N, C-alpha and C. Protein backbone atom coordinates (compact mmCIF):
# COMPACT_ATOMS: atom_id res chain seq x y z
N MET A 1 2.61 -5.99 8.09
CA MET A 1 2.67 -7.06 9.06
C MET A 1 1.26 -7.41 9.54
N VAL A 2 0.43 -6.41 9.72
CA VAL A 2 -0.93 -6.67 10.19
C VAL A 2 -1.67 -7.57 9.21
N GLU A 3 -1.44 -7.34 7.90
CA GLU A 3 -2.10 -8.17 6.89
C GLU A 3 -1.70 -9.64 7.03
N LEU A 4 -0.43 -9.89 7.35
CA LEU A 4 0.05 -11.26 7.50
C LEU A 4 -0.67 -12.00 8.63
N PHE A 5 -0.98 -11.27 9.69
CA PHE A 5 -1.60 -11.89 10.84
C PHE A 5 -3.12 -11.95 10.73
N GLY A 6 -3.69 -11.29 9.73
CA GLY A 6 -5.14 -11.19 9.59
C GLY A 6 -5.86 -12.53 9.57
N ASP A 7 -5.34 -13.50 8.83
CA ASP A 7 -5.99 -14.81 8.73
C ASP A 7 -5.27 -15.88 9.55
N TYR A 8 -4.34 -15.47 10.37
CA TYR A 8 -3.53 -16.41 11.14
C TYR A 8 -4.29 -16.83 12.39
N GLU A 9 -4.30 -18.13 12.67
CA GLU A 9 -5.11 -18.64 13.77
C GLU A 9 -4.70 -18.11 15.15
N LYS A 10 -3.45 -17.71 15.34
CA LYS A 10 -3.01 -17.23 16.65
C LYS A 10 -3.34 -15.76 16.87
N GLY A 11 -3.58 -15.01 15.81
CA GLY A 11 -3.87 -13.59 15.95
C GLY A 11 -2.62 -12.76 16.14
N MET A 12 -2.80 -11.47 16.14
CA MET A 12 -1.71 -10.51 16.27
C MET A 12 -1.14 -10.56 17.69
N PRO A 13 0.19 -10.61 17.84
CA PRO A 13 0.78 -10.62 19.19
C PRO A 13 0.54 -9.29 19.90
N SER A 14 0.52 -9.33 21.22
CA SER A 14 0.35 -8.09 21.98
C SER A 14 1.67 -7.32 22.02
N ASP A 15 1.58 -6.04 22.32
CA ASP A 15 2.77 -5.18 22.34
C ASP A 15 3.79 -5.60 23.38
N ASP A 16 3.36 -6.27 24.44
CA ASP A 16 4.30 -6.63 25.50
C ASP A 16 4.92 -8.03 25.31
N GLU A 17 4.52 -8.74 24.25
CA GLU A 17 5.12 -10.05 23.97
C GLU A 17 6.50 -9.88 23.35
N GLU A 18 7.41 -10.80 23.70
CA GLU A 18 8.74 -10.81 23.10
C GLU A 18 8.62 -11.15 21.61
N PHE A 19 9.41 -10.45 20.79
CA PHE A 19 9.36 -10.68 19.34
C PHE A 19 9.89 -12.06 19.00
N ASP A 20 9.14 -12.78 18.19
CA ASP A 20 9.54 -14.12 17.74
C ASP A 20 9.38 -14.17 16.23
N LEU A 21 10.49 -14.13 15.52
CA LEU A 21 10.47 -14.14 14.06
C LEU A 21 9.73 -15.35 13.52
N GLU A 22 9.88 -16.49 14.17
CA GLU A 22 9.22 -17.72 13.73
C GLU A 22 7.69 -17.62 13.81
N ALA A 23 7.18 -16.68 14.59
CA ALA A 23 5.74 -16.53 14.73
C ALA A 23 5.11 -15.80 13.55
N ILE A 24 5.93 -15.18 12.70
CA ILE A 24 5.39 -14.47 11.54
C ILE A 24 4.90 -15.51 10.53
N PRO A 25 3.61 -15.45 10.18
CA PRO A 25 3.07 -16.42 9.24
C PRO A 25 3.85 -16.44 7.93
N GLY A 26 4.27 -17.62 7.53
CA GLY A 26 5.01 -17.77 6.28
C GLY A 26 6.51 -17.72 6.42
N PHE A 27 7.04 -17.21 7.53
CA PHE A 27 8.49 -17.08 7.66
C PHE A 27 9.18 -18.43 7.64
N ALA A 28 8.71 -19.36 8.45
CA ALA A 28 9.36 -20.68 8.55
C ALA A 28 9.26 -21.46 7.24
N ASP A 29 8.25 -21.15 6.43
CA ASP A 29 8.06 -21.84 5.15
C ASP A 29 8.81 -21.16 4.01
N GLY A 30 9.45 -20.03 4.29
CA GLY A 30 10.15 -19.30 3.24
C GLY A 30 9.23 -18.43 2.40
N ASP A 31 8.01 -18.20 2.88
CA ASP A 31 7.05 -17.38 2.13
C ASP A 31 7.03 -15.92 2.56
N TRP A 32 7.77 -15.57 3.60
CA TRP A 32 7.89 -14.19 4.05
C TRP A 32 9.28 -13.97 4.59
N PRO A 33 9.94 -12.87 4.30
CA PRO A 33 9.47 -11.84 3.37
C PRO A 33 9.45 -12.38 1.94
N GLU A 34 8.80 -11.62 1.07
CA GLU A 34 8.69 -12.08 -0.32
C GLU A 34 10.06 -12.31 -0.92
N TRP A 35 10.15 -13.26 -1.79
CA TRP A 35 11.38 -13.64 -2.47
C TRP A 35 11.56 -12.71 -3.66
N PRO A 36 12.64 -11.90 -3.69
CA PRO A 36 12.82 -10.94 -4.78
C PRO A 36 12.76 -11.56 -6.17
N ALA A 37 13.34 -12.74 -6.35
CA ALA A 37 13.34 -13.37 -7.68
C ALA A 37 11.92 -13.75 -8.11
N GLN A 38 11.05 -14.01 -7.15
CA GLN A 38 9.66 -14.33 -7.47
C GLN A 38 8.84 -13.05 -7.63
N LEU A 39 9.13 -12.07 -6.81
CA LEU A 39 8.44 -10.78 -6.88
C LEU A 39 8.68 -10.11 -8.23
N MET A 40 9.84 -10.37 -8.84
CA MET A 40 10.14 -9.79 -10.15
C MET A 40 9.12 -10.22 -11.21
N LEU A 41 8.51 -11.39 -11.04
CA LEU A 41 7.50 -11.84 -12.00
C LEU A 41 6.33 -10.86 -12.07
N LYS A 42 6.05 -10.17 -10.97
CA LYS A 42 4.97 -9.19 -10.92
C LYS A 42 5.44 -7.80 -11.33
N LEU A 43 6.70 -7.47 -11.08
CA LEU A 43 7.16 -6.09 -11.21
C LEU A 43 7.90 -5.76 -12.50
N VAL A 44 8.59 -6.72 -13.08
CA VAL A 44 9.38 -6.45 -14.29
C VAL A 44 8.44 -6.45 -15.49
N PRO A 45 8.55 -5.42 -16.34
CA PRO A 45 7.69 -5.36 -17.53
C PRO A 45 7.78 -6.64 -18.37
N GLY A 46 6.64 -7.08 -18.86
CA GLY A 46 6.56 -8.31 -19.64
C GLY A 46 7.47 -8.34 -20.84
N SER A 47 7.68 -7.17 -21.47
CA SER A 47 8.55 -7.12 -22.65
C SER A 47 9.99 -7.47 -22.29
N ILE A 48 10.43 -7.06 -21.11
CA ILE A 48 11.79 -7.35 -20.65
C ILE A 48 11.90 -8.83 -20.26
N VAL A 49 10.88 -9.32 -19.59
CA VAL A 49 10.85 -10.75 -19.23
C VAL A 49 10.91 -11.60 -20.49
N ALA A 50 10.13 -11.23 -21.50
CA ALA A 50 10.07 -12.02 -22.73
C ALA A 50 11.41 -12.03 -23.46
N LYS A 51 12.12 -10.89 -23.45
CA LYS A 51 13.40 -10.80 -24.18
C LYS A 51 14.56 -11.43 -23.44
N TYR A 52 14.62 -11.23 -22.12
CA TYR A 52 15.84 -11.57 -21.38
C TYR A 52 15.64 -12.57 -20.24
N GLY A 53 14.42 -12.77 -19.81
CA GLY A 53 14.18 -13.57 -18.61
C GLY A 53 13.87 -15.03 -18.89
N ARG A 54 14.02 -15.80 -17.83
CA ARG A 54 13.61 -17.21 -17.83
C ARG A 54 12.76 -17.43 -16.58
N LYS A 55 11.60 -18.01 -16.78
CA LYS A 55 10.77 -18.39 -15.64
C LYS A 55 11.17 -19.80 -15.25
N VAL A 56 11.65 -19.93 -14.02
CA VAL A 56 12.20 -21.19 -13.53
C VAL A 56 11.33 -21.70 -12.40
N ASP A 57 11.14 -23.01 -12.32
CA ASP A 57 10.39 -23.62 -11.22
C ASP A 57 11.33 -23.93 -10.07
N SER A 58 10.93 -23.52 -8.86
CA SER A 58 11.67 -23.92 -7.66
C SER A 58 11.05 -25.21 -7.14
N VAL A 59 11.73 -25.85 -6.23
CA VAL A 59 11.23 -27.11 -5.68
C VAL A 59 10.00 -26.87 -4.80
N PHE A 60 10.01 -25.81 -3.99
CA PHE A 60 8.95 -25.61 -3.01
C PHE A 60 8.06 -24.39 -3.24
N ASN A 61 8.61 -23.31 -3.79
CA ASN A 61 7.89 -22.04 -3.76
C ASN A 61 7.41 -21.53 -5.10
N GLY A 62 7.27 -22.37 -6.09
CA GLY A 62 6.73 -21.94 -7.37
C GLY A 62 7.78 -21.33 -8.29
N LYS A 63 7.28 -20.62 -9.28
CA LYS A 63 8.16 -20.04 -10.29
C LYS A 63 8.87 -18.79 -9.78
N PHE A 64 10.04 -18.52 -10.38
CA PHE A 64 10.77 -17.29 -10.13
C PHE A 64 11.43 -16.86 -11.42
N LEU A 65 11.88 -15.61 -11.46
CA LEU A 65 12.47 -15.05 -12.67
C LEU A 65 13.98 -15.01 -12.55
N GLU A 66 14.63 -15.37 -13.64
CA GLU A 66 16.09 -15.42 -13.68
C GLU A 66 16.56 -14.68 -14.94
N PHE A 67 17.65 -13.92 -14.81
CA PHE A 67 18.27 -13.22 -15.93
C PHE A 67 19.74 -13.63 -16.02
N ASP A 68 20.32 -13.56 -17.21
CA ASP A 68 21.76 -13.75 -17.37
C ASP A 68 22.47 -12.47 -16.95
N ALA A 69 23.50 -12.60 -16.13
CA ALA A 69 24.27 -11.44 -15.68
C ALA A 69 24.86 -10.67 -16.87
N ALA A 70 25.15 -11.35 -17.95
CA ALA A 70 25.73 -10.69 -19.14
C ALA A 70 24.76 -9.68 -19.75
N ASP A 71 23.47 -9.79 -19.45
CA ASP A 71 22.46 -8.87 -20.00
C ASP A 71 22.17 -7.69 -19.08
N GLU A 72 22.93 -7.56 -18.00
CA GLU A 72 22.63 -6.53 -17.00
C GLU A 72 22.51 -5.14 -17.59
N ASP A 73 23.47 -4.70 -18.38
CA ASP A 73 23.46 -3.32 -18.89
C ASP A 73 22.22 -3.04 -19.75
N ILE A 74 21.88 -3.94 -20.64
CA ILE A 74 20.72 -3.72 -21.51
C ILE A 74 19.41 -3.80 -20.73
N ILE A 75 19.35 -4.70 -19.75
CA ILE A 75 18.14 -4.81 -18.93
C ILE A 75 17.96 -3.53 -18.12
N VAL A 76 19.03 -3.03 -17.51
CA VAL A 76 18.95 -1.79 -16.73
C VAL A 76 18.53 -0.64 -17.64
N SER A 77 19.10 -0.57 -18.83
CA SER A 77 18.74 0.49 -19.78
C SER A 77 17.24 0.44 -20.11
N GLU A 78 16.74 -0.75 -20.39
CA GLU A 78 15.32 -0.89 -20.73
C GLU A 78 14.42 -0.64 -19.53
N MET A 79 14.87 -1.01 -18.34
CA MET A 79 14.09 -0.71 -17.13
C MET A 79 14.00 0.80 -16.92
N LYS A 80 15.12 1.51 -17.13
CA LYS A 80 15.10 2.97 -17.01
C LYS A 80 14.18 3.58 -18.06
N ASP A 81 14.24 3.06 -19.29
CA ASP A 81 13.35 3.55 -20.35
C ASP A 81 11.88 3.34 -19.99
N ALA A 82 11.61 2.30 -19.20
CA ALA A 82 10.24 2.00 -18.77
C ALA A 82 9.82 2.81 -17.54
N GLY A 83 10.72 3.67 -17.05
CA GLY A 83 10.39 4.55 -15.93
C GLY A 83 10.88 4.11 -14.57
N PHE A 84 11.67 3.05 -14.51
CA PHE A 84 12.20 2.57 -13.24
C PHE A 84 13.48 3.33 -12.89
N ALA A 85 13.69 3.62 -11.62
CA ALA A 85 14.96 4.18 -11.13
C ALA A 85 15.83 2.98 -10.77
N CYS A 86 17.01 2.89 -11.35
CA CYS A 86 17.87 1.73 -11.15
C CYS A 86 19.23 2.14 -10.61
N SER A 87 19.71 1.43 -9.61
CA SER A 87 21.07 1.60 -9.11
C SER A 87 21.51 0.24 -8.57
N ARG A 88 22.80 0.02 -8.55
CA ARG A 88 23.32 -1.28 -8.10
C ARG A 88 23.68 -1.20 -6.62
N ASP A 89 23.23 -2.17 -5.86
CA ASP A 89 23.55 -2.25 -4.44
C ASP A 89 23.56 -3.73 -4.05
N ASP A 90 24.72 -4.37 -4.21
CA ASP A 90 24.84 -5.80 -3.96
C ASP A 90 24.50 -6.18 -2.52
N GLY A 91 24.85 -5.32 -1.57
CA GLY A 91 24.54 -5.58 -0.17
C GLY A 91 23.04 -5.61 0.08
N PHE A 92 22.33 -4.66 -0.52
CA PHE A 92 20.88 -4.62 -0.38
C PHE A 92 20.24 -5.87 -0.99
N VAL A 93 20.71 -6.27 -2.16
CA VAL A 93 20.18 -7.46 -2.82
C VAL A 93 20.41 -8.69 -1.94
N ALA A 94 21.60 -8.81 -1.36
CA ALA A 94 21.90 -9.96 -0.49
C ALA A 94 20.97 -9.97 0.72
N THR A 95 20.77 -8.80 1.33
CA THR A 95 19.89 -8.72 2.50
C THR A 95 18.45 -9.06 2.12
N ALA A 96 17.97 -8.50 1.01
CA ALA A 96 16.60 -8.76 0.57
C ALA A 96 16.40 -10.23 0.21
N SER A 97 17.47 -10.89 -0.19
CA SER A 97 17.39 -12.30 -0.58
C SER A 97 17.64 -13.25 0.59
N GLY A 98 17.86 -12.69 1.77
CA GLY A 98 18.07 -13.51 2.96
C GLY A 98 19.45 -14.12 3.06
N LEU A 99 20.44 -13.51 2.40
CA LEU A 99 21.80 -14.05 2.44
C LEU A 99 22.65 -13.38 3.50
């Protein structure tokens, strides 16, 4: 959070100020928290992206990564082979995606 406020013209809020989510730089623009579908462009191994992914342009926030749900099992298998710990948690995904 401190990094987000580093270049922000208003500066870091004081401890006694009431919390205002809208004051977080990037929140109102949809740039914070990071968008999981866009973050995957940095985190998913390129070989998996090349085989199964599609880089899609959004209207406002740039490219994001999309996979076909039918490829879930093979993608998870290859992610595990690449050293990732994988488990399914639809509630966590919904929360991380702002749903």
